[in-house]
Structures are given as C-alpha cells and as structure tokens.
Protein backbone atom coordinates (compact mmCIF):
# COMPACT_ATOMS: atom_id res chain seq x y z
CA UNK A 1 0.17 0.09 0.06
CA UNK A 2 1.15 3.73 -0.51
CA UNK A 3 0.16 6.55 0.64
CA UNK A 4 -1.45 8.71 -1.77
CA UNK A 5 -2.97 12.66 -2.04
CA UNK A 6 -6.60 12.43 -2.70
CA UNK A 7 -8.90 15.21 -4.04
CA UNK A 8 -11.80 14.64 -2.23
CA UNK A 9 -13.54 17.77 -2.79
CA UNK A 10 -13.44 21.05 -4.61
CA UNK A 11 -14.84 24.78 -4.77
CA UNK A 12 -14.69 28.07 -6.09
CA UNK A 13 -15.75 31.47 -5.06
CA UNK A 14 -16.01 34.67 -7.70
CA UNK A 15 -17.19 38.11 -7.02
CA UNK A 16 -20.11 39.35 -8.19
CA UNK A 17 -18.66 42.40 -10.06
CA UNK A 18 -18.54 41.54 -13.77
CA UNK A 19 -16.51 43.53 -16.20
CA UNK A 20 -17.47 42.78 -19.52
CA UNK A 21 -14.92 43.75 -22.56
CA UNK A 22 -17.21 46.69 -23.78
CA UNK A 23 -17.14 48.10 -20.65
CA UNK A 24 -13.19 48.24 -20.80
CA UNK A 25 -13.53 49.70 -24.35
CA UNK A 26 -14.71 52.84 -22.47
CA UNK A 27 -11.47 53.45 -21.01
CA UNK A 28 -8.79 51.84 -22.80
CA UNK A 29 -8.16 51.60 -26.55
CA UNK A 30 -9.60 48.35 -26.45
CA UNK A 31 -12.48 46.42 -28.29
CA UNK A 32 -14.52 43.24 -27.06
CA UNK A 33 -13.35 41.71 -31.06
CA UNK A 34 -9.71 43.05 -30.32
CA UNK A 35 -9.64 40.74 -26.74
CA UNK A 36 -11.49 38.15 -27.57
CA UNK A 37 -9.46 37.28 -31.00
CA UNK A 38 -6.68 37.92 -28.99
CA UNK A 39 -6.90 35.92 -25.34
CA UNK A 40 -10.19 34.36 -25.75
CA UNK A 41 -11.89 36.46 -23.01
CA UNK A 42 -15.31 38.40 -22.58
CA UNK A 43 -15.45 39.10 -19.08
CA UNK A 44 -13.76 38.65 -15.69
CA UNK A 45 -14.51 39.35 -12.33
CA UNK A 46 -13.69 42.46 -9.78
CA UNK A 47 -13.29 41.79 -5.89
CA UNK A 48 -15.49 44.76 -4.03
CA UNK A 49 -13.40 47.57 -2.24
CA UNK A 50 -14.15 45.44 0.68
CA UNK A 51 -13.25 42.27 -0.51
CA UNK A 52 -9.46 41.06 0.11
CA UNK A 53 -8.12 37.50 -1.07
CA UNK A 54 -8.34 36.04 2.58
CA UNK A 55 -12.30 36.89 1.93
CA UNK A 56 -12.04 34.76 -1.77
CA UNK A 57 -10.75 32.38 -0.70
CA UNK A 58 -12.49 31.21 2.45
CA UNK A 59 -15.81 31.82 0.39
CA UNK A 60 -13.88 28.89 -2.28
CA UNK A 61 -12.35 26.68 0.73
CA UNK A 62 -16.05 26.27 2.87
CA UNK A 63 -17.40 25.46 -0.64
CA UNK A 64 -14.70 22.79 -1.08
CA UNK A 65 -14.93 21.41 2.60
CA UNK A 66 -18.51 20.97 2.34
CA UNK A 67 -18.23 18.76 -0.95
CA UNK A 68 -15.49 16.50 0.92
CA UNK A 69 -17.72 16.53 4.12
CA UNK A 70 -14.97 17.83 5.84
CA UNK A 71 -15.30 20.58 8.74
CA UNK A 72 -12.19 22.73 10.26
CA UNK A 73 -11.07 19.73 13.39
CA UNK A 74 -10.42 17.23 9.99
CA UNK A 75 -7.67 19.76 8.36
CA UNK A 76 -4.41 20.10 9.52
CA UNK A 77 -2.39 21.67 6.66
CA UNK A 78 -3.56 24.73 4.77
CA UNK A 79 -1.64 26.14 1.71
CA UNK A 80 -2.66 29.47 -0.33
CA UNK A 81 -1.16 30.27 -3.91
CA UNK A 82 -1.47 33.80 -4.56
CA UNK A 83 0.57 36.91 -5.55
CA UNK A 84 -1.86 39.61 -4.18
CA UNK A 85 -1.95 38.94 -0.18
CA UNK A 86 -3.92 40.46 2.49
CA UNK A 87 -0.53 41.79 3.98
CA UNK A 88 3.32 41.28 3.71
CA UNK A 89 2.96 39.28 6.99
CA UNK A 90 1.39 36.93 8.44
CA UNK A 91 0.80 34.64 5.38
CA UNK A 92 -2.73 34.77 4.17
CA UNK A 93 -2.99 31.19 4.91
CA UNK A 94 -2.66 31.98 8.59
CA UNK A 95 -5.51 34.36 7.95
CA UNK A 96 -7.79 32.02 6.41
CA UNK A 97 -6.69 29.20 8.93
CA UNK A 98 -8.36 31.50 11.59
CA UNK A 99 -11.33 32.52 9.32
CA UNK A 100 -12.30 29.08 8.89
CA UNK A 101 -11.47 28.14 12.53
CA UNK A 102 -8.62 25.52 11.71
CA UNK A 103 -6.58 25.09 14.61
CA UNK A 104 -4.69 22.23 13.77
CA UNK A 105 -1.28 21.50 11.90
CA UNK A 106 0.28 24.59 9.49
CA UNK A 107 -0.46 27.62 7.43
CA UNK A 108 1.81 29.01 4.62
CA UNK A 109 1.87 30.70 1.67
CA UNK A 110 3.29 29.63 -1.92
CA UNK A 111 4.36 32.78 -4.14
CA UNK A 112 4.26 31.30 -8.23
CA UNK A 113 2.54 33.54 -9.51
CA UNK A 114 0.05 32.09 -12.25
CA UNK A 115 1.79 28.65 -11.66
CA UNK A 116 0.94 28.75 -8.05
CA UNK A 117 -1.44 26.00 -7.77
CA UNK A 118 0.61 23.59 -9.35
CA UNK A 119 3.27 24.46 -6.62
CA UNK A 120 0.75 24.18 -3.73
CA UNK A 121 -0.66 20.92 -4.86
CA UNK A 122 2.67 19.36 -5.27
CA UNK A 123 3.26 20.17 -2.34
CA UNK A 124 0.61 19.45 0.14
CA UNK A 125 1.11 16.05 -1.81
CA UNK A 126 4.35 15.22 -0.40
CA UNK A 127 3.84 16.41 3.21
CA UNK A 128 0.75 13.97 2.92
CA UNK A 129 2.70 11.07 1.15
CA UNK A 130 5.07 11.50 4.28
CA UNK A 131 2.42 10.80 6.63
CA UNK A 132 3.32 13.74 8.51
CA UNK A 133 -0.30 15.53 7.75
CA UNK A 134 -3.58 13.88 7.09
CA UNK A 135 -5.88 16.62 5.28
CA UNK A 136 -4.79 19.56 3.46
CA UNK A 137 -6.80 22.47 2.26
CA UNK A 138 -5.15 23.88 -0.88
CA UNK A 139 -6.47 27.13 -1.97
CA UNK A 140 -5.22 29.37 -5.34
CA UNK A 141 -7.02 33.55 -4.32
CA UNK A 142 -6.31 36.21 -6.29
CA UNK A 143 -7.78 39.85 -6.15
CA UNK A 144 -5.21 40.65 -9.26
CA UNK A 145 -7.35 43.59 -10.17
CA UNK A 146 -5.45 45.37 -7.28
CA UNK A 147 -2.25 45.21 -8.95
CA UNK A 148 -3.20 45.96 -12.71
CA UNK A 149 -2.26 49.02 -14.51
CA UNK A 150 -5.78 50.08 -15.89
CA UNK A 151 -3.92 52.00 -18.63
CA UNK A 152 -2.04 49.62 -20.33
CA UNK A 153 -4.29 47.64 -22.54
CA UNK A 154 -1.59 44.92 -22.98
CA UNK A 155 -2.30 43.61 -19.45
CA UNK A 156 -5.53 45.02 -17.74
CA UNK A 157 -7.69 43.19 -20.26
CA UNK A 158 -5.92 39.90 -19.27
CA UNK A 159 -6.81 39.40 -15.46
CA UNK A 160 -9.49 38.62 -13.07
CA UNK A 161 -10.09 38.21 -9.55
CA UNK A 162 -11.53 34.70 -8.03
CA UNK A 163 -10.62 31.70 -5.50
CA UNK A 164 -10.63 28.12 -5.92
CA UNK A 165 -9.69 25.14 -3.89
CA UNK A 166 -9.44 21.51 -3.44
CA UNK A 167 -9.08 19.11 -0.24
CA UNK A 168 -6.70 16.55 -0.41
CA UNK A 169 -6.41 13.44 2.21
CA UNK A 170 -3.81 10.87 3.03
CA UNK A 171 -5.03 7.27 1.69
CA UNK A 172 -3.38 4.22 1.93
CA UNK A 173 -3.76 2.63 -2.06
CA UNK A 174 -2.98 -0.19 -3.71
CA UNK A 175 -0.66 1.41 -6.39
CA UNK A 176 0.64 -1.09 -9.17
CA UNK A 177 4.49 -0.12 -10.04
CA UNK A 178 3.90 -0.59 -13.51
CA UNK A 179 0.53 1.38 -13.57
CA UNK A 180 0.67 4.17 -11.52
CA UNK A 181 -1.82 5.78 -12.94
CA UNK A 182 -4.70 3.46 -12.80
CA UNK A 183 -4.96 4.19 -8.71
CA UNK A 184 -6.70 7.39 -7.47
CA UNK A 185 -5.02 9.99 -6.41
CA UNK A 186 -2.14 12.03 -7.20
CA UNK A 187 0.28 10.67 -9.62
CA UNK A 188 3.17 12.59 -10.65
CA UNK A 189 3.89 16.59 -10.59
CA UNK A 190 6.50 18.46 -12.74
CA UNK A 191 7.49 22.59 -11.02
CA UNK A 192 10.29 24.29 -12.44
CA UNK A 193 11.73 27.85 -12.44
CA UNK A 194 14.07 29.55 -14.43
CA UNK A 195 15.11 32.95 -13.02
CA UNK A 196 16.82 34.52 -15.84
CA UNK A 197 13.44 35.24 -17.45
CA UNK A 198 11.35 36.69 -14.55
CA UNK A 199 11.60 40.16 -16.87
CA UNK A 200 9.14 38.33 -18.98
CA UNK A 201 6.34 39.16 -16.44
CA UNK A 202 6.71 40.69 -12.84
CA UNK A 203 5.34 43.22 -11.07
CA UNK A 204 7.71 46.76 -10.99
CA UNK A 205 7.46 47.24 -7.30
CA UNK A 206 7.99 45.25 -3.86
CA UNK A 207 8.49 45.89 -0.49
CA UNK A 208 12.21 45.95 -0.02
CA UNK A 209 12.89 47.88 -3.65
CA UNK A 210 10.26 50.51 -3.63
CA UNK A 211 7.98 50.15 -0.81
CA UNK A 212 5.03 50.16 -2.84
CA UNK A 213 2.80 46.43 -4.69
CA UNK A 214 3.73 47.65 -7.83
CA UNK A 215 1.84 46.92 -10.73
CA UNK A 216 2.18 43.94 -13.65
CA UNK A 217 3.96 44.08 -16.12
CA UNK A 218 4.40 41.71 -19.19
CA UNK A 219 6.97 41.18 -22.71
CA UNK A 220 3.64 39.26 -24.22
CA UNK A 221 5.64 37.81 -27.58
CA UNK A 222 8.27 36.31 -25.75
CA UNK A 223 6.38 35.01 -23.23
CA UNK A 224 3.84 33.10 -25.39
CA UNK A 225 6.84 31.70 -27.32
CA UNK A 226 8.35 30.29 -23.72
CA UNK A 227 4.90 29.25 -22.70
CA UNK A 228 4.05 26.30 -25.13
CA UNK A 229 7.45 24.72 -25.08
CA UNK A 230 7.56 24.72 -21.10
CA UNK A 231 3.99 23.56 -20.58
CA UNK A 232 4.25 21.18 -23.40
CA UNK A 233 7.55 19.56 -21.75
CA UNK A 234 6.51 19.16 -18.14
CA UNK A 235 3.05 17.56 -19.39
CA UNK A 236 5.18 15.21 -21.20
CA UNK A 237 7.79 14.35 -18.59
CA UNK A 238 4.71 14.07 -15.99
CA UNK A 239 2.77 11.32 -18.28
CA UNK A 240 6.60 9.72 -18.76
CA UNK A 241 6.47 9.17 -15.20
CA UNK A 242 3.16 8.13 -14.88
CA UNK A 243 3.75 5.74 -17.93
CA UNK A 244 0.83 6.95 -20.02
CA UNK A 245 1.02 8.93 -22.96
CA UNK A 246 -0.38 12.61 -23.03
CA UNK A 247 -3.32 11.84 -25.32
CA UNK A 248 -4.58 9.43 -22.55
CA UNK A 249 -5.78 11.66 -20.37
CA UNK A 250 -9.45 12.22 -19.81
CA UNK A 251 -9.75 15.77 -18.79
CA UNK A 252 -7.03 18.74 -19.24
CA UNK A 253 -7.32 21.46 -17.36
CA UNK A 254 -4.83 24.00 -17.93
CA UNK A 255 -4.07 27.49 -16.21
CA UNK A 256 -6.74 30.21 -17.90
CA UNK A 257 -3.82 32.20 -19.24
CA UNK A 258 -4.91 33.07 -23.10
CA UNK A 259 -6.87 30.48 -25.42
CA UNK A 260 -3.93 30.85 -28.15
CA UNK A 261 -1.76 29.28 -25.49
CA UNK A 262 -4.42 26.77 -24.74
CA UNK A 263 -4.75 26.07 -28.30
CA UNK A 264 -0.91 25.98 -28.87
CA UNK A 265 -0.81 23.05 -25.80
CA UNK A 266 -3.31 20.82 -27.12
CA UNK A 267 -2.09 20.89 -31.34
CA UNK A 268 1.63 20.50 -30.01
CA UNK A 269 0.81 17.22 -28.00
CA UNK A 270 -2.31 15.89 -30.46
CA UNK A 271 -4.55 16.45 -27.45
CA UNK A 272 -8.36 16.21 -28.45
CA UNK A 273 -10.09 19.40 -28.04
CA UNK A 274 -13.06 18.16 -26.38
CA UNK A 275 -11.06 17.08 -23.47
CA UNK A 276 -10.16 20.61 -22.78
CA UNK A 277 -11.71 22.52 -19.83
CA UNK A 278 -11.75 26.19 -20.76
CA UNK A 279 -13.24 28.73 -18.42
CA UNK A 280 -11.39 31.90 -19.78
CA UNK A 281 -13.93 33.59 -21.61
CA UNK A 282 -16.40 34.35 -18.43
CA UNK A 283 -13.39 33.91 -15.61
CA UNK A 284 -10.22 35.51 -17.76
CA UNK A 285 -7.10 35.17 -16.33
CA UNK A 286 -7.38 34.58 -12.02
CA UNK A 287 -3.44 33.59 -11.99
CA UNK A 288 -3.31 30.65 -9.14
CA UNK A 289 -6.89 30.17 -9.16
CA UNK A 290 -7.67 29.38 -12.24
CA UNK A 291 -7.19 25.88 -11.99
CA UNK A 292 -9.69 24.48 -9.19
CA UNK A 293 -11.82 27.28 -10.58
CA UNK A 294 -11.99 25.52 -13.82
CA UNK A 295 -11.55 21.79 -12.11
CA UNK A 296 -14.89 22.63 -9.95
CA UNK A 297 -16.51 24.11 -13.25
CA UNK A 298 -16.36 20.93 -14.69
CA UNK A 299 -16.82 18.79 -11.49
CA UNK A 300 -19.86 20.59 -11.06
CA UNK A 301 -21.56 20.47 -14.81
CA UNK A 302 -20.99 16.75 -14.94
CA UNK A 303 -18.15 16.67 -17.14
CA UNK A 304 -15.68 15.25 -14.88
CA UNK A 305 -16.22 12.39 -12.90
CA UNK A 306 -14.78 10.14 -9.99
CA UNK A 307 -12.26 7.97 -11.38
CA UNK A 308 -11.12 10.35 -14.47
CA UNK A 309 -7.29 11.18 -15.12
CA UNK A 310 -6.64 14.88 -14.62
CA UNK A 311 -3.81 16.70 -16.17
CA UNK A 312 -3.16 20.20 -14.77
CA UNK A 313 -0.95 22.52 -15.79
CA UNK A 314 0.35 26.71 -15.58
CA UNK A 315 2.91 28.91 -16.24
CA UNK A 316 3.53 32.34 -14.51
CA UNK A 317 5.86 35.12 -13.73
CA UNK A 318 9.60 33.66 -12.25
CA UNK A 319 9.44 32.06 -15.09
CA UNK A 320 7.85 29.35 -12.93
CA UNK A 321 5.65 25.96 -15.06
CA UNK A 322 5.00 23.04 -14.01
CA UNK A 323 1.87 20.40 -14.41
CA UNK A 324 0.20 17.37 -12.67
CA UNK A 325 -1.66 14.21 -13.08
CA UNK A 326 -4.28 12.88 -10.81
CA UNK A 327 -7.33 10.36 -10.78
CA UNK A 328 -10.14 12.17 -9.74
C-alpha cells in the first residue's frame, strides 16, 4: 500500500462584479473583438472594495470542504497560492486558517504567480505522502485587479479576481508500480523555475525595492513563445513518470492564461479539443485560482467524474511552470 493524496472535494468563488470587454473599451483603447481575438476572454470578475484575498479564499475553501464532507477540525494543513496577499505578513494562509476555525497543523503561502496552484498542490501532496499530515486544504486565490495598470491594454484586459480550492486527503492506496496512473490520487508532478526569464512577467514594485505593491508588466510575445514549449515539456515529463501518453488523459485542466496558449499546447501534444476545460471566456486569467476554478466548474457540470484522469498545468512569472496528473 502507498500513501497518496486524494482529491476529495473542490470549490470556487467569484466576486459579484462583472467587468465586460465592452466596459473596458470605454476607458482604454481596445474593443471586445480585439480582446476576444487575442485572448478568448469576454469578461472577468472584480473583487468589491471591501473584499480581500482571504475573503475569496475562505469562500472557495468552505465550498470545497462542504463537498468533501469535512469540517475545520479535520484539516491540518492549509496552503494558499497567491500573488496578492492581504498583508506583507502574516501569510494569507494564516488569516484563512483563523477565519475558517482551523486549529491544527500548519498554514503558509506559496508564491509562484499563475503556476502557484501547481506548486501548492505538489507541496501538499508531498506532505501527505510523507505521513506528516492527514488532510490539506489547497487554495489558489487572487485579487489581481489591485495590481493591474488599467491604462495598459496589453495586461488590463487579461486578469480577473477569484478563488478555487481543493481538499486533499492522505489515503493508503494499492498502486501497481507498472501502472501508477491506474489508482486514484495525485500520481506525478513537475515544477520548474528559471529566474533568468523573470523580466517576461513581473510586478514593478516590492517591499524592499520601492515600498509599493507595484503593477503588472509583461512582454507578451516573448512570454507566449516560452509558454507553449515549457508547458508541453512539463506535461510530457509528468506523463512519462506515470507511464502514459499525454493523449491518454480524460481531461486537460490548464491554467486559464490565454486561449491561444491553450490551443498551442493542445496542438503540440495532439490532445483532443473536447477534453480541454476552458473557463477563460467568463473568468479571464485569475492566476493561481484558475486551475481549481476550472476543475470545480467541470466537476459541478458533470463533465469530470470520479475515476477520470486529469492533467493540470500552469506558467507564471518567475519564470515558473509545471504540470500535475491525478485521478479524480
């Protein structure tokens, strides 16, 4: 028997305020047609003035915990992936832990921008597989609208706010070493960073540099060229570790960055278009929240079923990228 992290519940939360492409076109030189053609985005959600990242995270977490049938006393690890924390410190995860009433174990943040959820999921799975913790709450939550330059049409059209969460539980699973993908749980992950490419996507502020939060800056064309190659390579690596082909997955749940990147990865790996879960049209790019939000959407509408093989991936500032494979 092998200890594996099993996804027992997922949840999501989107703020009420909807910002459409048409509304954006009134304040910046853009149009609905321009945005949709280049990104696939039609609208995005914006957090209310009195909503902070931990508020979004708590709502998503409660949704996931309800589906998993667990309460605060059942959780002993909280990991929040975010680039937009409530405060410089303490960690947003500590604030979430307190708001949820979780009194056991540890809580900390992971910062890998849009790939943050992949990093957080891999981290939680390792804790659970090691036997040090029993049940983890993994959350991706962002109020990215707070660090967007609303005069820069190259970036302001992309991002939205939201949160997604998964409950992971350590379970003893009978795993065939020759067919590791046949059993439930997190099967393999690949996470990578190349700091030499940090200038492709970054924020121009920071506590020790400017004393300000700063705003998002991006070299879109260079980032796109890196994205497809690195994401595809990570997915191939994960598939090889699981002894499957990428085309064997039932559902591909990518980070919702850009429809063109999604399509580029699908074409590169010869995946079926109908296996891709895309929520970018209605959510925009919610950074670390996008994967669990998309997964929850497909789970709730009946597409993803228990026993399905799921591939996730992400790429973000750092440059960070990675992929993961699990059986629901």
